[in-house]
Amino acid sequence: MAGPARADDTDDAFLVSLRAAGITFPDPGPAIGAGRWVCDAMGKGTQTVDVVKTIQAQNPGLHGDNAARFTAIAANVYCPQTLAASGGKVSGGA
């Protein structure tokens, strides 16, 4: 996954959205990097369910539906065109 990144307005919106969803993190850098990675992976054709599974595996603190929420928030903030292409659906299904 991507390393730490410099925060900008988009990153700030991402972090605010995560907090509003109840997703907390000790350091915003890795969260931003993971959020950007979501769009990179989806842009390369990785299925959403596989992106969610990777996010959960790489971030054990994301329990239950939080990995799917994280993925949806990342896609909505960083690459909304990906959601439009997938019909707006992000699922963590098993």
C-alpha atoms as a PDB file:
ATOM      1  CA  MET A   1       0.000   0.000   0.000  1.00  0.00           C
ATOM      2  CA  ALA A   2       1.017   3.593  -0.474  1.00  0.00           C
ATOM      3  CA  GLY A   3       3.141   5.330   2.101  1.00  0.00           C
ATOM      4  CA  PRO A   4       2.385   8.508   4.015  1.00  0.00           C
ATOM      5  CA  ALA A   5       1.294  11.493   1.981  1.00  0.00           C
ATOM      6  CA  ARG A   6       1.053  15.259   2.423  1.00  0.00           C
ATOM      7  CA  ALA A   7      -2.417  16.413   3.387  1.00  0.00           C
ATOM      8  CA  ASP A   8      -4.397  18.732   1.114  1.00  0.00           C
ATOM      9  CA  ASP A   9      -8.053  19.822   1.059  1.00  0.00           C
ATOM     10  CA  THR A  10      -9.145  16.473  -0.380  1.00  0.00           C
ATOM     11  CA  ASP A  11      -7.204  14.630   2.312  1.00  0.00           C
ATOM     12  CA  ASP A  12      -8.795  16.842   4.959  1.00  0.00           C
ATOM     13  CA  ALA A  13     -12.267  16.021   3.593  1.00  0.00           C
ATOM     14  CA  PHE A  14     -11.370  12.319   3.683  1.00  0.00           C
ATOM     15  CA  LEU A  15     -10.224  12.488   7.307  1.00  0.00           C
ATOM     16  CA  VAL A  16     -13.325  14.438   8.363  1.00  0.00           C
ATOM     17  CA  SER A  17     -15.541  11.861   6.619  1.00  0.00           C
ATOM     18  CA  LEU A  18     -13.752   8.974   8.331  1.00  0.00           C
ATOM     19  CA  ARG A  19     -14.176  10.579  11.745  1.00  0.00           C
ATOM     20  CA  ALA A  20     -17.850  11.297  11.030  1.00  0.00           C
ATOM     21  CA  ALA A  21     -18.293   7.584  10.265  1.00  0.00           C
ATOM     22  CA  GLY A  22     -16.663   6.674  13.579  1.00  0.00           C
ATOM     23  CA  ILE A  23     -13.437   5.443  11.998  1.00  0.00           C
ATOM     24  CA  THR A  24     -10.497   6.633  14.074  1.00  0.00           C
ATOM     25  CA  PHE A  25      -6.760   6.353  13.545  1.00  0.00           C
ATOM     26  CA  PRO A  26      -3.674   7.408  15.511  1.00  0.00           C
ATOM     27  CA  ASP A  27      -1.815   8.897  12.513  1.00  0.00           C
ATOM     28  CA  PRO A  28      -3.540  10.422   9.485  1.00  0.00           C
ATOM     29  CA  GLY A  29      -0.632   9.744   7.089  1.00  0.00           C
ATOM     30  CA  PRO A  30      -1.202   6.004   6.711  1.00  0.00           C
ATOM     31  CA  ALA A  31      -4.978   6.510   6.535  1.00  0.00           C
ATOM     32  CA  ILE A  32      -4.523   8.966   3.664  1.00  0.00           C
ATOM     33  CA  GLY A  33      -2.116   6.593   1.931  1.00  0.00           C
ATOM     34  CA  ALA A  34      -4.573   3.716   2.271  1.00  0.00           C
ATOM     35  CA  GLY A  35      -7.417   5.899   1.002  1.00  0.00           C
ATOM     36  CA  ARG A  36      -5.447   6.854  -2.079  1.00  0.00           C
ATOM     37  CA  TRP A  37      -4.468   3.213  -2.577  1.00  0.00           C
ATOM     38  CA  VAL A  38      -8.174   2.281  -2.724  1.00  0.00           C
ATOM     39  CA  CYS A  39      -8.586   4.402  -5.845  1.00  0.00           C
ATOM     40  CA  ASP A  40      -5.345   3.183  -7.358  1.00  0.00           C
ATOM     41  CA  ALA A  41      -6.429  -0.442  -6.923  1.00  0.00           C
ATOM     42  CA  MET A  42      -9.956   0.173  -8.184  1.00  0.00           C
ATOM     43  CA  GLY A  43      -8.579   2.150 -11.121  1.00  0.00           C
ATOM     44  CA  LYS A  44      -6.508  -0.893 -12.079  1.00  0.00           C
ATOM     45  CA  GLY A  45      -9.626  -3.045 -12.117  1.00  0.00           C
ATOM     46  CA  THR A  46      -9.380  -4.690  -8.697  1.00  0.00           C
ATOM     47  CA  GLN A  47     -12.832  -5.819  -7.598  1.00  0.00           C
ATOM     48  CA  THR A  48     -14.276  -3.779  -4.746  1.00  0.00           C
ATOM     49  CA  VAL A  49     -14.686  -6.810  -2.498  1.00  0.00           C
ATOM     50  CA  ASP A  50     -10.967  -7.557  -2.901  1.00  0.00           C
ATOM     51  CA  VAL A  51     -10.074  -3.948  -2.095  1.00  0.00           C
ATOM     52  CA  VAL A  52     -12.193  -4.148   1.075  1.00  0.00           C
ATOM     53  CA  LYS A  53     -10.539  -7.439   2.085  1.00  0.00           C
ATOM     54  CA  THR A  54      -7.069  -5.951   1.559  1.00  0.00           C
ATOM     55  CA  ILE A  55      -7.927  -2.822   3.547  1.00  0.00           C
ATOM     56  CA  GLN A  56      -9.193  -4.999   6.405  1.00  0.00           C
ATOM     57  CA  ALA A  57      -6.165  -7.310   6.278  1.00  0.00           C
ATOM     58  CA  GLN A  58      -3.718  -4.389   6.284  1.00  0.00           C
ATOM     59  CA  ASN A  59      -5.624  -2.518   9.013  1.00  0.00           C
ATOM     60  CA  PRO A  60      -6.722  -4.956  11.732  1.00  0.00           C
ATOM     61  CA  GLY A  61      -8.351  -2.091  13.645  1.00  0.00           C
ATOM     62  CA  LEU A  62     -11.054  -1.884  10.966  1.00  0.00           C
ATOM     63  CA  HIS A  63     -13.548  -4.361  12.382  1.00  0.00           C
ATOM     64  CA  GLY A  64     -16.829  -5.449  10.848  1.00  0.00           C
ATOM     65  CA  ASP A  65     -18.220  -3.118   8.237  1.00  0.00           C
ATOM     66  CA  ASN A  66     -15.628  -0.406   8.874  1.00  0.00           C
ATOM     67  CA  ALA A  67     -13.343  -1.685   6.096  1.00  0.00           C
ATOM     68  CA  ALA A  68     -16.233  -1.368   3.629  1.00  0.00           C
ATOM     69  CA  ARG A  69     -17.073   2.082   5.026  1.00  0.00           C
ATOM     70  CA  PHE A  70     -13.428   3.136   4.721  1.00  0.00           C
ATOM     71  CA  THR A  71     -13.347   1.923   1.115  1.00  0.00           C
ATOM     72  CA  ALA A  72     -16.603   3.690   0.255  1.00  0.00           C
ATOM     73  CA  ILE A  73     -15.441   6.946   1.840  1.00  0.00           C
ATOM     74  CA  ALA A  74     -12.085   6.759   0.065  1.00  0.00           C
ATOM     75  CA  ALA A  75     -13.752   6.137  -3.289  1.00  0.00           C
ATOM     76  CA  ASN A  76     -16.309   8.899  -2.708  1.00  0.00           C
ATOM     77  CA  VAL A  77     -13.648  11.462  -1.808  1.00  0.00           C
ATOM     78  CA  TYR A  78     -10.697  10.488  -4.009  1.00  0.00           C
ATOM     79  CA  CYS A  79     -12.293   8.878  -7.062  1.00  0.00           C
ATOM     80  CA  PRO A  80     -16.071   9.369  -7.254  1.00  0.00           C
ATOM     81  CA  GLN A  81     -15.933   8.389 -10.930  1.00  0.00           C
ATOM     82  CA  THR A  82     -15.123   4.851  -9.741  1.00  0.00           C
ATOM     83  CA  LEU A  83     -18.378   4.738  -7.780  1.00  0.00           C
ATOM     84  CA  ALA A  84     -20.289   5.986 -10.818  1.00  0.00           C
ATOM     85  CA  ALA A  85     -18.729   3.222 -12.920  1.00  0.00           C
ATOM     86  CA  SER A  86     -19.702   0.585 -10.342  1.00  0.00           C
ATOM     87  CA  GLY A  87     -23.237   1.887  -9.921  1.00  0.00           C
ATOM     88  CA  GLY A  88     -22.339   3.533  -6.609  1.00  0.00           C
ATOM     89  CA  LYS A  89     -22.018   0.236  -4.774  1.00  0.00           C
ATOM     90  CA  VAL A  90     -19.211  -0.657  -2.409  1.00  0.00           C
ATOM     91  CA  SER A  91     -19.702  -3.922  -0.609  1.00  0.00           C
ATOM     92  CA  GLY A  92     -17.655  -5.769   1.932  1.00  0.00           C
ATOM     93  CA  GLY A  93     -19.589  -8.968   1.239  1.00  0.00           C
ATOM     94  CA  ALA A  94     -18.141 -12.342   1.969  1.00  0.00           C
END
